[in-house]
């Protein structure tokens, strides 16, 4: 009887230890994903609790995969799931998490007109508590590289929703376009039919009947693609 009780205690302790070990692994994974999404985040604490029941003989299972949705990465409270396998047997367990963290963000310190390139003078760097974000806040990387997609009021926290990449070429811009055919090189003027960045392939128009697919190589030059 005593031996059976010790065996039961050992198995229970083993299962509990494995469960706690996996929670730590899940916590590290969540932390890694958060810091990848928010490079300027400071994490104070992450708490994770399992709300799925453990399968029998859980000590035989191994953690296989961890899933967290993009939407859950925008919340201070949410859920995360993990796949455990024992041979061909597979079990998904669910966990609830709470995050205590702060994030450095950019806030408009003035009215920013639509189309204006975001500059240092237009924003302040502030630290806010991580709560629930509908869009990912931008970092200093975006300054001078992106412009306002819409007009922004003073005090607005800038997110990926509010900006768009500064374009090298705008629709309607004139381009010196080069066509190479064997040893023959022909250069002529075309008009961009959409906004584009260096390296983008877009359609341009030479006249009302001649259209070409080109690769943008600068703000004024393009090369016809084969």
Protein backbone atom coordinates (compact mmCIF):
# COMPACT_ATOMS: atom_id res chain seq x y z
CA UNK A 1 0.00 0.00 0.00
CA UNK A 2 2.75 2.42 1.01
CA UNK A 3 4.71 1.49 -2.11
CA UNK A 4 1.67 2.25 -4.28
CA UNK A 5 1.22 5.63 -2.61
CA UNK A 6 4.88 6.51 -3.22
CA UNK A 7 4.53 5.46 -6.86
CA UNK A 8 1.41 7.58 -7.28
CA UNK A 9 3.15 10.53 -5.65
CA UNK A 10 6.17 10.10 -7.93
CA UNK A 11 4.02 9.98 -11.06
CA UNK A 12 1.97 13.00 -9.98
CA UNK A 13 5.13 14.98 -9.15
CA UNK A 14 6.67 14.00 -12.48
CA UNK A 15 3.62 15.12 -14.43
CA UNK A 16 3.50 18.41 -12.52
CA UNK A 17 7.21 19.02 -13.12
CA UNK A 18 6.84 18.35 -16.85
CA UNK A 19 3.83 20.64 -17.03
CA UNK A 20 5.72 23.46 -15.29
CA UNK A 21 8.76 22.89 -17.53
CA UNK A 22 6.61 23.28 -20.62
CA UNK A 23 5.03 26.44 -19.24
CA UNK A 24 8.52 27.95 -18.95
CA UNK A 25 9.26 26.97 -22.55
CA UNK A 26 5.98 28.48 -23.70
CA UNK A 27 6.75 31.63 -21.74
CA UNK A 28 10.16 31.94 -23.44
CA UNK A 29 8.55 31.45 -26.84
CA UNK A 30 5.93 34.12 -26.14
CA UNK A 31 8.62 36.51 -24.90
CA UNK A 32 10.64 35.92 -28.06
CA UNK A 33 7.63 36.60 -30.31
CA UNK A 34 6.75 39.77 -28.43
CA UNK A 35 10.26 41.19 -28.70
CA UNK A 36 10.32 40.34 -32.39
CA UNK A 37 7.04 42.22 -32.87
CA UNK A 38 7.93 45.08 -30.50
CA UNK A 39 11.73 45.61 -30.56
CA UNK A 40 11.37 48.47 -28.05
CA UNK A 41 9.34 46.49 -25.50
CA UNK A 42 10.46 46.03 -21.90
CA UNK A 43 8.86 42.95 -20.35
CA UNK A 44 8.43 43.05 -16.58
CA UNK A 45 6.55 39.79 -16.19
CA UNK A 46 4.64 37.13 -18.11
CA UNK A 47 2.26 34.81 -16.28
CA UNK A 48 0.90 31.70 -17.98
CA UNK A 49 -1.75 29.30 -16.70
CA UNK A 50 -2.96 26.13 -18.35
CA UNK A 51 -6.72 25.77 -18.68
CA UNK A 52 -6.77 22.47 -20.61
CA UNK A 53 -6.77 19.22 -18.68
CA UNK A 54 -3.64 17.08 -19.01
CA UNK A 55 -3.89 13.84 -20.97
CA UNK A 56 -3.19 10.56 -19.20
CA UNK A 57 0.49 9.67 -18.90
CA UNK A 58 1.42 13.23 -19.79
CA UNK A 59 5.03 12.53 -18.80
CA UNK A 60 5.37 10.53 -22.03
CA UNK A 61 4.37 13.49 -24.21
CA UNK A 62 6.85 15.89 -25.78
CA UNK A 63 6.24 19.52 -26.70
CA UNK A 64 6.10 19.73 -30.50
CA UNK A 65 4.76 23.14 -31.56
CA UNK A 66 3.57 26.42 -30.03
CA UNK A 67 0.94 28.64 -31.64
CA UNK A 68 0.06 32.26 -30.94
CA UNK A 69 -2.01 34.35 -33.34
CA UNK A 70 -1.06 37.83 -34.54
CA UNK A 71 -4.13 39.20 -32.76
CA UNK A 72 -3.03 37.70 -29.44
CA UNK A 73 0.37 39.38 -29.85
CA UNK A 74 -1.48 42.70 -29.71
CA UNK A 75 -3.04 42.02 -26.30
CA UNK A 76 -1.87 42.14 -22.71
CA UNK A 77 -4.16 39.17 -22.00
CA UNK A 78 -4.82 36.33 -24.39
CA UNK A 79 -4.42 32.67 -25.22
CA UNK A 80 -1.71 30.47 -26.64
CA UNK A 81 -1.80 26.80 -27.59
CA UNK A 82 0.78 24.03 -27.74
CA UNK A 83 0.86 20.68 -29.51
CA UNK A 84 2.20 17.70 -27.54
CA UNK A 85 2.99 14.33 -29.10
CA UNK A 86 3.45 10.80 -27.83
CA UNK A 87 4.27 8.71 -30.87
CA UNK A 88 1.26 9.01 -33.15
CA UNK A 89 -0.90 10.47 -30.39
CA UNK A 90 -1.31 14.23 -30.49
CA UNK A 91 -2.90 16.60 -27.98
CA UNK A 92 -3.40 20.37 -28.12
CA UNK A 93 -3.39 22.18 -24.78
CA UNK A 94 -4.50 25.76 -24.24
CA UNK A 95 -2.97 28.37 -21.94
CA UNK A 96 -3.97 31.82 -20.75
CA UNK A 97 -1.32 34.53 -20.52
CA UNK A 98 -1.03 37.98 -18.97
CA UNK A 99 1.76 40.39 -19.88
CA UNK A 100 3.14 43.24 -17.79
CA UNK A 101 5.25 45.33 -20.14
CA UNK A 102 5.95 48.79 -21.53
CA UNK A 103 6.60 49.83 -25.13
CA UNK A 104 8.48 52.78 -26.60
CA UNK A 105 6.36 54.42 -29.30
CA UNK A 106 6.27 57.51 -31.50
CA UNK A 107 3.62 60.16 -30.85
CA UNK A 108 2.82 63.01 -33.24
CA UNK A 109 3.76 66.33 -31.62
CA UNK A 110 1.98 68.32 -34.32
CA UNK A 111 -0.59 67.96 -37.05
CA UNK A 112 0.91 65.80 -39.82
CA UNK A 113 -0.53 66.30 -43.28
CA UNK A 114 -1.31 63.31 -45.48
CA UNK A 115 1.65 62.44 -47.71
CA UNK A 116 4.26 64.13 -45.54
CA UNK A 117 7.40 62.12 -44.79
CA UNK A 118 7.65 61.33 -41.07
CA UNK A 119 10.64 63.19 -39.58
CA UNK A 120 12.22 63.49 -36.13
CA UNK A 121 10.76 66.98 -35.75
CA UNK A 122 7.21 65.65 -36.09
CA UNK A 123 7.30 63.05 -33.30
CA UNK A 124 8.16 62.49 -29.65
CA UNK A 125 9.48 59.24 -28.21
CA UNK A 126 7.37 58.14 -25.24
CA UNK A 127 6.95 54.99 -23.16
CA UNK A 128 3.46 53.59 -22.60
CA UNK A 129 2.01 50.53 -20.89
CA UNK A 130 1.40 47.59 -23.20
CA UNK A 131 -2.37 47.06 -23.30
CA UNK A 132 -4.39 46.24 -26.41
CA UNK A 133 -3.12 47.46 -29.77
CA UNK A 134 -5.23 47.37 -32.92
CA UNK A 135 -2.11 47.95 -35.01
CA UNK A 136 1.62 47.62 -34.29
CA UNK A 137 3.26 50.89 -33.11
CA UNK A 138 6.13 51.99 -35.32
CA UNK A 139 9.74 52.57 -34.21
CA UNK A 140 12.44 55.04 -35.18
CA UNK A 141 13.32 52.81 -38.14
CA UNK A 142 10.37 54.27 -40.04
CA UNK A 143 11.46 57.91 -39.67
CA UNK A 144 12.41 59.47 -43.03
CA UNK A 145 11.52 56.17 -44.76
CA UNK A 146 7.73 56.37 -44.54
CA UNK A 147 5.07 59.01 -45.06
CA UNK A 148 1.65 59.62 -43.54
CA UNK A 149 -1.06 57.54 -45.20
CA UNK A 150 -3.71 59.88 -43.79
CA UNK A 151 -3.66 63.20 -41.96
CA UNK A 152 -2.70 62.69 -38.29
CA UNK A 153 -3.71 64.87 -35.35
CA UNK A 154 -1.31 65.99 -32.64
CA UNK A 155 -0.98 63.38 -29.88
CA UNK A 156 -1.66 60.39 -32.17
CA UNK A 157 0.36 57.23 -31.48
CA UNK A 158 1.77 56.23 -34.86
CA UNK A 159 1.17 52.67 -36.01
CA UNK A 160 1.70 50.70 -39.19
CA UNK A 161 -1.86 51.62 -40.18
CA UNK A 162 -0.99 55.31 -40.40
CA UNK A 163 2.04 55.14 -42.69
CA UNK A 164 3.12 53.98 -46.11
CA UNK A 165 6.60 53.63 -47.57
CA UNK A 166 8.10 56.68 -49.24
CA UNK A 167 7.96 55.93 -52.94
CA UNK A 168 10.91 56.38 -55.29
CA UNK A 169 8.61 56.79 -58.28
CA UNK A 170 5.08 58.15 -58.29
CA UNK A 171 2.34 57.42 -60.77
CA UNK A 172 2.73 59.74 -63.75
CA UNK A 173 6.48 60.29 -63.27
CA UNK A 174 8.65 60.32 -66.39
CA UNK A 175 11.28 57.57 -66.62
CA UNK A 176 14.26 57.08 -68.90
CA UNK A 177 13.73 53.46 -69.85
CA UNK A 178 16.33 51.13 -71.33
CA UNK A 179 15.58 48.10 -73.51
CA UNK A 180 18.39 45.61 -74.12
CA UNK A 181 18.00 43.09 -76.92
CA UNK A 182 21.21 41.15 -77.51
CA UNK A 183 23.84 43.74 -78.32
CA UNK A 184 21.28 46.42 -79.11
CA UNK A 185 20.43 49.02 -76.46
CA UNK A 186 17.50 51.39 -76.94
CA UNK A 187 16.60 54.23 -74.57
CA UNK A 188 13.26 56.04 -74.59
CA UNK A 189 10.91 57.98 -72.30
CA UNK A 190 8.00 56.30 -70.50
CA UNK A 191 5.44 57.18 -67.86
CA UNK A 192 4.96 55.22 -64.63
CA UNK A 193 1.47 53.81 -64.21
CA UNK A 194 1.73 53.30 -60.42
CA UNK A 195 3.83 54.25 -57.39
CA UNK A 196 6.96 52.12 -56.95
CA UNK A 197 10.19 51.64 -55.04
CA UNK A 198 13.65 50.78 -56.33
CA UNK A 199 13.62 47.11 -57.37
CA UNK A 200 9.86 46.98 -58.00
CA UNK A 201 8.55 45.73 -61.34
CA UNK A 202 5.72 47.86 -62.72
CA UNK A 203 3.99 48.62 -65.99
CA UNK A 204 4.92 51.81 -67.83
CA UNK A 205 3.53 53.46 -70.94
CA UNK A 206 5.55 54.78 -73.86
CA UNK A 207 2.53 56.01 -75.76
CA UNK A 208 -1.12 55.09 -75.96
CA UNK A 209 -0.29 51.78 -77.66
CA UNK A 210 3.09 50.73 -76.20
CA UNK A 211 3.33 49.31 -72.69
CA UNK A 212 6.32 47.64 -70.98
CA UNK A 213 7.10 45.79 -67.76
CA UNK A 214 10.13 47.47 -66.19
CA UNK A 215 12.28 47.24 -63.09
CA UNK A 216 12.80 50.54 -61.26
CA UNK A 217 16.51 51.29 -60.72
CA UNK A 218 16.29 54.93 -59.55
CA UNK A 219 13.81 57.80 -59.29
CA UNK A 220 14.29 58.56 -63.01
CA UNK A 221 15.45 55.28 -64.59
CA UNK A 222 14.00 51.88 -65.42
CA UNK A 223 15.01 48.77 -67.35
CA UNK A 224 12.64 46.65 -69.42
CA UNK A 225 12.35 43.13 -67.99
CA UNK A 226 12.40 40.08 -70.26
